[in-house]
Amino acid sequence: MKSTTALILVAMLACTAQAHAAKACEELKTEVAAKLDGKAVKGYALDVVASDQVGDAKVVGSCEGGAKKLTYTKKK
């Protein structure tokens, strides 16, 4: 569990809102998924949602000028 949390934090740092604010959402999602897969993270979902629809999910990136967020959730 600790290694998954650490990997999420690495992904979040790699995908700061400033660095990816203008990036297309699907491009950002592909990049983050590749990083998580490269670290052998399994059982997760990445979703693109409107900024005001994040809910309880962990935000790991921002796209479309900050209008949308990339969220990470652990599948059960």
C-alpha atoms as a PDB file:
ATOM      1  CA  MET A   1       0.000   0.000   0.000  1.00  0.00           C
ATOM      2  CA  LYS A   2       2.817   2.411   0.832  1.00  0.00           C
ATOM      3  CA  SER A   3       4.491   1.810  -2.528  1.00  0.00           C
ATOM      4  CA  THR A   4       1.228   2.577  -4.343  1.00  0.00           C
ATOM      5  CA  THR A   5       0.844   5.826  -2.427  1.00  0.00           C
ATOM      6  CA  ALA A   6       4.430   6.750  -3.249  1.00  0.00           C
ATOM      7  CA  LEU A   7       3.845   6.037  -6.925  1.00  0.00           C
ATOM      8  CA  ILE A   8       0.736   8.181  -6.923  1.00  0.00           C
ATOM      9  CA  LEU A   9       2.703  11.026  -5.403  1.00  0.00           C
ATOM     10  CA  VAL A  10       5.392  10.630  -8.080  1.00  0.00           C
ATOM     11  CA  ALA A  11       2.720  10.734 -10.760  1.00  0.00           C
ATOM     12  CA  MET A  12       1.190  13.826  -9.185  1.00  0.00           C
ATOM     13  CA  LEU A  13       4.519  15.606  -9.099  1.00  0.00           C
ATOM     14  CA  ALA A  14       5.185  14.667 -12.699  1.00  0.00           C
ATOM     15  CA  CYS A  15       1.791  16.012 -13.736  1.00  0.00           C
ATOM     16  CA  THR A  16       1.515  19.358 -12.009  1.00  0.00           C
ATOM     17  CA  ALA A  17      -1.267  21.627 -13.120  1.00  0.00           C
ATOM     18  CA  GLN A  18       1.158  24.260 -14.389  1.00  0.00           C
ATOM     19  CA  ALA A  19       3.136  21.826 -16.502  1.00  0.00           C
ATOM     20  CA  HIS A  20       0.090  20.256 -18.139  1.00  0.00           C
ATOM     21  CA  ALA A  21      -2.642  22.898 -17.996  1.00  0.00           C
ATOM     22  CA  ALA A  22      -2.820  23.287 -21.772  1.00  0.00           C
ATOM     23  CA  LYS A  23      -2.260  19.609 -22.564  1.00  0.00           C
ATOM     24  CA  ALA A  24      -4.981  17.547 -24.194  1.00  0.00           C
ATOM     25  CA  CYS A  25      -6.655  15.301 -21.631  1.00  0.00           C
ATOM     26  CA  GLU A  26      -6.216  12.031 -23.508  1.00  0.00           C
ATOM     27  CA  GLU A  27      -2.515  12.776 -24.048  1.00  0.00           C
ATOM     28  CA  LEU A  28      -2.040  13.432 -20.330  1.00  0.00           C
ATOM     29  CA  LYS A  29      -4.021  10.306 -19.420  1.00  0.00           C
ATOM     30  CA  THR A  30      -1.825   8.204 -21.718  1.00  0.00           C
ATOM     31  CA  GLU A  31       1.370   9.628 -20.204  1.00  0.00           C
ATOM     32  CA  VAL A  32       0.275   9.045 -16.604  1.00  0.00           C
ATOM     33  CA  ALA A  33      -0.957   5.517 -17.397  1.00  0.00           C
ATOM     34  CA  ALA A  34       2.384   4.699 -19.008  1.00  0.00           C
ATOM     35  CA  LYS A  35       4.230   5.868 -15.884  1.00  0.00           C
ATOM     36  CA  LEU A  36       1.987   3.867 -13.565  1.00  0.00           C
ATOM     37  CA  ASP A  37       2.208   0.779 -15.782  1.00  0.00           C
ATOM     38  CA  GLY A  38       5.999   1.187 -15.903  1.00  0.00           C
ATOM     39  CA  LYS A  39       6.016   1.013 -12.106  1.00  0.00           C
ATOM     40  CA  ALA A  40       3.810  -2.124 -12.225  1.00  0.00           C
ATOM     41  CA  VAL A  41       0.854  -0.407 -10.564  1.00  0.00           C
ATOM     42  CA  LYS A  42      -2.257  -2.543 -11.048  1.00  0.00           C
ATOM     43  CA  GLY A  43      -5.939  -2.105 -10.324  1.00  0.00           C
ATOM     44  CA  TYR A  44      -6.395   1.596 -10.892  1.00  0.00           C
ATOM     45  CA  ALA A  45      -8.630   3.837 -12.974  1.00  0.00           C
ATOM     46  CA  LEU A  46      -7.738   7.173 -14.531  1.00  0.00           C
ATOM     47  CA  ASP A  47     -10.681   9.367 -15.426  1.00  0.00           C
ATOM     48  CA  VAL A  48     -11.012  12.799 -16.994  1.00  0.00           C
ATOM     49  CA  VAL A  49     -13.649  14.849 -15.171  1.00  0.00           C
ATOM     50  CA  ALA A  50     -14.777  18.455 -15.024  1.00  0.00           C
ATOM     51  CA  SER A  51     -12.876  20.398 -12.374  1.00  0.00           C
ATOM     52  CA  ASP A  52     -15.989  20.763 -10.237  1.00  0.00           C
ATOM     53  CA  GLN A  53     -16.822  17.031 -10.433  1.00  0.00           C
ATOM     54  CA  VAL A  54     -13.689  15.559  -8.807  1.00  0.00           C
ATOM     55  CA  GLY A  55     -15.393  14.190  -5.688  1.00  0.00           C
ATOM     56  CA  ASP A  56     -13.273  11.889  -3.492  1.00  0.00           C
ATOM     57  CA  ALA A  57     -10.849  10.881  -6.248  1.00  0.00           C
ATOM     58  CA  LYS A  58      -7.192  11.917  -6.091  1.00  0.00           C
ATOM     59  CA  VAL A  59      -6.291  14.522  -8.737  1.00  0.00           C
ATOM     60  CA  VAL A  60      -3.089  13.581 -10.583  1.00  0.00           C
ATOM     61  CA  GLY A  61      -3.207  16.141 -13.384  1.00  0.00           C
ATOM     62  CA  SER A  62      -4.979  19.020 -15.029  1.00  0.00           C
ATOM     63  CA  CYS A  63      -5.783  19.520 -18.702  1.00  0.00           C
ATOM     64  CA  GLU A  64      -7.679  21.727 -21.120  1.00  0.00           C
ATOM     65  CA  GLY A  65      -6.451  24.880 -19.429  1.00  0.00           C
ATOM     66  CA  GLY A  66      -7.513  23.670 -15.983  1.00  0.00           C
ATOM     67  CA  ALA A  67     -11.130  23.048 -17.014  1.00  0.00           C
ATOM     68  CA  LYS A  68     -10.723  19.294 -16.495  1.00  0.00           C
ATOM     69  CA  LYS A  69      -8.838  17.121 -14.021  1.00  0.00           C
ATOM     70  CA  LEU A  70      -7.293  13.688 -14.355  1.00  0.00           C
ATOM     71  CA  THR A  71      -8.238  11.582 -11.356  1.00  0.00           C
ATOM     72  CA  TYR A  72      -6.796   8.363  -9.954  1.00  0.00           C
ATOM     73  CA  THR A  73      -8.888   5.819  -8.095  1.00  0.00           C
ATOM     74  CA  LYS A  74      -7.902   2.403  -6.826  1.00  0.00           C
ATOM     75  CA  LYS A  75     -10.153  -0.381  -8.072  1.00  0.00           C
ATOM     76  CA  LYS A  76     -11.408  -2.824  -5.471  1.00  0.00           C
END
